[in-house]
Protein backbone atom coordinates (compact mmCIF):
# COMPACT_ATOMS: atom_id res chain seq x y z
CA MET A 1 120.94 76.86 91.42
CA ASN A 2 117.98 74.86 92.23
CA TYR A 3 118.66 71.77 94.41
CA ASN A 4 116.52 69.45 92.39
CA ILE A 5 118.46 70.51 89.23
CA ILE A 6 121.60 69.68 90.94
CA GLY A 7 120.15 66.30 92.07
CA ILE A 8 119.19 65.29 88.63
CA GLN A 9 122.65 66.45 87.31
CA GLN A 10 124.19 64.25 90.09
CA LYS A 11 122.16 61.18 89.08
CA ILE A 12 123.11 61.56 85.27
CA ALA A 13 126.80 62.42 85.56
CA ASP A 14 127.76 58.78 84.92
CA ALA A 15 126.04 58.75 81.86
CA ARG A 16 127.31 62.21 80.77
CA LYS A 17 130.69 61.08 81.67
CA LYS A 18 130.46 57.96 79.32
CA LEU A 19 129.23 60.23 76.49
CA LEU A 20 131.90 62.83 76.84
CA ALA A 21 134.75 60.40 77.13
CA HIS A 22 133.33 57.72 74.65
CA ASP A 23 135.78 55.76 72.41
CA LEU A 24 134.18 57.07 69.33
CA TYR A 25 136.25 60.42 69.43
CA GLN A 26 139.48 58.47 69.41
CA ASN A 27 138.43 56.89 66.12
CA LEU A 28 137.37 59.99 64.17
CA ASN A 29 140.74 60.12 62.25
CA THR A 30 139.59 60.88 58.57
CA ILE A 31 137.10 62.93 56.89
CA GLU A 32 135.32 59.64 55.85
CA ASP A 33 134.91 58.86 59.75
CA LEU A 34 133.52 62.16 60.24
CA ARG A 35 131.04 61.91 57.32
CA ILE A 36 129.87 58.64 58.97
CA PHE A 37 129.31 60.36 62.16
CA MET A 38 127.57 63.24 60.60
CA GLU A 39 124.99 60.94 58.74
CA TYR A 40 123.99 59.64 62.13
CA HIS A 41 124.27 62.55 64.15
CA VAL A 42 121.99 64.67 61.94
CA TYR A 43 118.96 62.59 63.33
CA ALA A 44 119.88 63.82 66.62
CA VAL A 45 119.92 67.47 65.39
CA TRP A 46 116.48 66.96 64.02
CA ASP A 47 115.45 65.11 67.41
CA PHE A 48 116.32 68.17 69.24
CA MET A 49 114.04 70.37 67.13
CA VAL A 50 111.22 67.96 67.79
CA LEU A 51 111.63 68.33 71.51
CA LEU A 52 112.01 72.06 71.08
CA LYS A 53 108.90 72.47 69.06
CA ALA A 54 107.00 70.12 71.27
CA LEU A 55 107.68 72.43 74.23
CA GLN A 56 106.60 75.48 72.22
CA VAL A 57 103.39 73.81 71.32
CA ARG A 58 102.55 73.04 75.02
CA LEU A 59 104.04 76.08 76.67
CA THR A 60 102.65 78.97 74.19
CA SER A 61 99.60 79.65 72.43
CA THR A 62 99.82 78.41 68.83
CA SER A 63 96.12 78.49 67.69
CA GLU A 64 94.73 81.27 65.59
CA ALA A 65 92.54 82.62 68.60
CA TRP A 66 95.27 83.45 70.81
CA THR A 67 95.06 82.77 74.55
CA PRO A 68 97.73 83.45 77.10
CA SER A 69 99.48 80.12 78.29
CA LYS A 70 99.70 79.22 81.86
CA SER A 71 103.35 80.15 82.68
CA PRO A 72 104.58 83.37 81.32
CA LEU A 73 108.26 82.79 82.22
CA ALA A 74 108.25 79.15 80.41
CA ARG A 75 106.47 80.88 77.71
CA ARG A 76 109.25 83.38 77.28
CA LEU A 77 112.31 81.10 77.75
CA ILE A 78 110.91 78.65 75.04
CA ASN A 79 110.43 81.28 72.56
CA GLU A 80 113.77 82.58 73.01
CA ILE A 81 115.21 79.34 72.55
CA VAL A 82 113.16 78.57 69.57
CA PHE A 83 114.11 81.88 67.93
CA CYS A 84 117.56 81.04 67.94
CA GLU A 85 117.43 77.36 67.32
CA GLU A 86 114.95 77.87 64.29
CA SER A 87 116.11 81.19 63.03
CA ASP A 88 119.88 81.57 63.77
CA ILE A 89 122.26 83.23 61.25
CA ASP A 90 124.49 80.79 59.30
CA ILE A 91 128.22 81.04 58.20
CA ASN A 92 126.88 83.26 55.09
CA GLY A 93 124.99 85.65 57.15
CA GLU A 94 121.66 84.18 56.21
CA PRO A 95 118.80 83.11 58.42
CA ALA A 96 118.65 79.31 58.98
CA SER A 97 117.68 76.65 61.59
CA HIS A 98 120.70 74.72 63.45
CA TYR A 99 119.17 71.68 61.46
CA GLU A 100 119.71 73.53 58.07
CA MET A 101 123.11 74.58 59.04
CA TYR A 102 123.94 70.85 59.79
CA ILE A 103 122.76 69.81 56.28
CA ALA A 104 124.82 72.64 54.70
CA ALA A 105 127.85 71.37 56.63
CA MET A 106 127.22 67.84 55.69
CA LYS A 107 127.03 68.73 51.80
CA GLN A 108 130.14 70.77 52.27
CA ALA A 109 131.93 67.68 53.90
CA GLY A 110 130.77 65.39 51.49
CA ALA A 111 128.45 63.42 53.73
CA ASN A 112 125.34 61.63 52.43
CA THR A 113 122.21 63.93 53.29
CA LYS A 114 119.75 61.95 51.10
CA PRO A 115 118.52 59.71 53.95
CA ILE A 116 117.68 62.49 56.34
CA THR A 117 116.25 64.82 53.67
CA THR A 118 114.07 62.00 52.38
CA PHE A 119 112.89 61.28 56.09
CA VAL A 120 112.16 65.15 56.47
CA GLU A 121 110.27 65.19 52.92
CA TYR A 122 108.15 62.33 54.13
CA LEU A 123 106.86 64.76 56.88
CA GLN A 124 106.52 67.67 54.76
CA ASN A 125 104.15 65.46 52.48
CA GLY A 126 101.79 64.49 55.21
CA TYR A 127 103.13 61.50 56.95
CA THR A 128 102.74 61.59 60.73
CA TYR A 129 105.34 61.64 63.38
CA LYS A 130 103.80 58.36 64.55
CA SER A 131 104.07 56.66 61.32
CA MET A 132 107.63 57.55 60.57
CA ILE A 133 108.67 56.37 64.09
CA LYS A 134 106.53 53.42 64.89
CA TYR A 135 106.42 52.05 61.37
CA ASN A 136 109.63 53.38 60.07
CA VAL A 137 108.47 54.90 56.96
CA GLY A 138 111.61 56.75 56.65
CA GLU A 139 113.65 53.31 56.47
CA VAL A 140 116.25 54.40 59.03
CA ASN A 141 118.37 51.68 60.39
CA ASP A 142 117.64 50.16 63.78
CA ALA A 143 120.08 52.27 66.02
CA ILE A 144 118.55 55.57 64.54
CA LYS A 145 115.03 54.27 65.15
CA ASP A 146 115.44 53.22 68.58
CA PHE A 147 117.06 56.56 69.38
CA LEU A 148 114.07 58.43 67.79
CA ARG A 149 111.51 56.23 69.40
CA THR A 150 112.90 57.33 72.82
CA THR A 151 111.91 60.94 71.99
CA PHE A 152 108.72 59.90 70.38
CA GLU A 153 107.50 57.93 73.50
CA ILE A 154 108.41 61.13 75.94
CA VAL A 155 106.59 63.19 73.60
CA LYS A 156 103.58 60.97 73.53
CA ASN A 157 103.51 60.91 77.15
CA ASP A 158 102.52 64.65 76.93
CA LYS A 159 104.06 65.72 80.15
CA ASP A 160 105.79 69.28 79.86
CA HIS A 161 108.29 68.53 82.61
CA GLU A 162 109.51 65.45 81.02
CA ILE A 163 109.91 66.83 77.55
CA ALA A 164 111.83 69.63 79.05
CA ALA A 165 114.03 67.30 81.16
CA ALA A 166 114.69 65.25 77.95
CA PHE A 167 115.45 68.54 75.97
CA THR A 168 117.80 69.98 78.74
CA PHE A 169 119.76 66.96 79.85
CA GLY A 170 119.49 64.50 77.19
CA ARG A 171 120.20 66.63 74.17
CA GLU A 172 122.22 69.75 75.09
CA ASP A 173 125.84 70.18 75.88
CA LEU A 174 126.83 66.73 75.14
CA ILE A 175 129.70 66.95 72.55
CA PRO A 176 133.12 67.75 74.38
CA ASP A 177 135.63 70.35 73.42
CA LEU A 178 137.76 67.50 71.97
CA PHE A 179 135.43 66.93 69.09
CA THR A 180 135.59 70.27 68.09
CA GLN A 181 139.18 70.24 67.93
CA ILE A 182 139.26 67.09 66.31
CA VAL A 183 137.20 68.66 63.41
CA LYS A 184 139.34 71.70 63.40
CA ASP A 185 142.47 69.57 63.00
CA LEU A 186 140.86 67.47 60.03
CA ASN A 187 139.92 70.74 58.40
CA ALA A 188 143.59 71.92 58.56
CA LYS A 189 144.38 68.81 56.44
CA ILE A 190 141.59 69.54 53.95
CA PRO A 191 140.87 73.22 53.90
CA GLY A 192 137.41 74.32 53.07
CA LYS A 193 135.64 70.99 53.73
CA LEU A 194 134.62 71.42 57.26
CA ASP A 195 134.31 75.37 57.54
CA ALA A 196 130.62 75.17 57.88
CA PHE A 197 130.55 72.40 60.33
CA ILE A 198 133.25 74.23 62.65
CA TYR A 199 130.73 77.22 62.54
CA TYR A 200 128.00 75.16 63.39
CA LEU A 201 129.74 73.70 66.36
CA ASP A 202 131.14 77.00 67.64
CA ARG A 203 127.72 78.46 67.23
CA HIS A 204 125.93 75.67 69.14
CA ILE A 205 128.35 75.44 71.87
CA GLU A 206 128.07 79.12 72.40
CA VAL A 207 124.37 79.41 72.64
CA ASP A 208 123.91 76.21 74.72
CA ALA A 209 126.49 77.14 77.48
CA ASP A 210 125.93 80.83 77.58
CA GLU A 211 122.23 81.14 77.03
CA HIS A 212 120.07 77.95 76.54
CA GLY A 213 121.40 75.78 79.24
CA PRO A 214 120.52 78.39 81.90
CA MET A 215 117.28 79.14 80.42
CA ALA A 216 116.31 75.47 80.17
CA ASN A 217 117.34 74.81 83.77
CA LYS A 218 114.82 77.67 84.66
CA MET A 219 112.02 76.15 82.61
CA ILE A 220 112.29 72.65 84.41
CA ALA A 221 112.26 74.43 87.66
CA GLU A 222 109.21 76.42 86.54
CA LEU A 223 107.54 73.33 85.25
CA CYS A 224 108.18 70.90 88.20
CA GLY A 225 107.81 73.59 90.94
CA ASN A 226 107.48 71.92 94.36
CA ASP A 227 105.96 68.73 92.88
CA GLU A 228 108.22 65.82 93.99
CA SER A 229 106.52 63.52 91.62
CA LYS A 230 107.27 65.78 88.67
CA TRP A 231 110.86 65.90 89.60
CA ARG A 232 111.12 62.09 89.70
CA GLU A 233 109.52 61.85 86.27
CA ALA A 234 111.89 64.74 85.08
CA GLU A 235 114.85 62.59 86.25
CA LYS A 236 113.61 59.40 84.60
CA ALA A 237 113.15 61.16 81.37
CA SER A 238 116.77 62.72 81.33
CA GLN A 239 118.15 59.17 82.04
CA LEU A 240 115.91 57.64 79.11
CA ALA A 241 117.09 60.38 76.80
CA LEU A 242 120.89 60.00 77.96
CA GLN A 243 120.78 56.19 77.44
CA ALA A 244 119.30 56.71 74.00
CA ARG A 245 122.11 59.01 73.04
CA LEU A 246 124.70 56.56 74.39
CA LYS A 247 123.38 53.82 72.35
CA LEU A 248 123.25 55.87 69.55
CA TRP A 249 127.00 56.79 70.20
CA TYR A 250 128.10 53.01 70.26
CA ALA A 251 126.26 52.42 66.93
CA ILE A 252 128.27 55.13 65.36
CA ASN A 253 131.43 53.96 66.66
CA ALA A 254 130.89 50.48 65.54
CA ALA A 255 129.84 51.97 62.02
CA ILE A 256 133.01 53.74 61.81
CA LEU A 257 135.11 50.70 62.84
CA LYS A 258 133.26 48.53 60.45
CA ALA A 259 134.06 50.94 57.50
CA SER A 260 137.73 51.39 58.65
CA SER A 261 138.09 47.68 58.70
CA LYS A 262 136.75 47.22 55.07
CA GLN A 263 139.25 49.96 54.08
CA LEU A 264 142.17 47.93 55.52
CA ALA A 265 141.01 44.61 53.91
């Protein structure tokens, strides 16, 4: 293991601990609670794809007139990750991105997909990433907007190692095993509502832990090399991404508690 990677992991350990042990998980008691979680978290799933594709654009040749990119190792690593995340196999054995799997899981669970699908449709219809984030064309709430803005700023800064650090330490492997068990327990009470979500979680955890995590670490090591300033910038980007995720988690928890209090009133 690269000592600089270990150093970043030590610096972000406290923030990771807060995320993995967040009160949010104790409040996921009903399918209604989980639907609220999914309606927020789906933006993090989309945001993950933004970081992934930003890296692919920068580390590979995507123009019609192909030329070899600077780092063959980084090129191979990001292409392997993209292949799985963008073209995996869903619960029905069909090709799908992990974002599309998540949308299917939301629909099965009865969660509202209209806000996120409208957001993506704006992009498909020509609205820029900048207009979506800076001017909130998609009309997302403030908590989601702030979360997305963090990634936008990191990508806009246009430094490969910072994007890779946010991708690796701020987005991967941040949902504890406890969460999967909570979902499975809920599914036992309402069979057939969460099968697709459980499949998504199991698949995502499998590829992150066994494949993409180690690949992403190698990619950061390749991009930072022996440049201490790059390692410092990578650490800062990791911290920013984790703090953004933590704020989003607090917002989701508040939304669940608010909805629960209304039901009790």
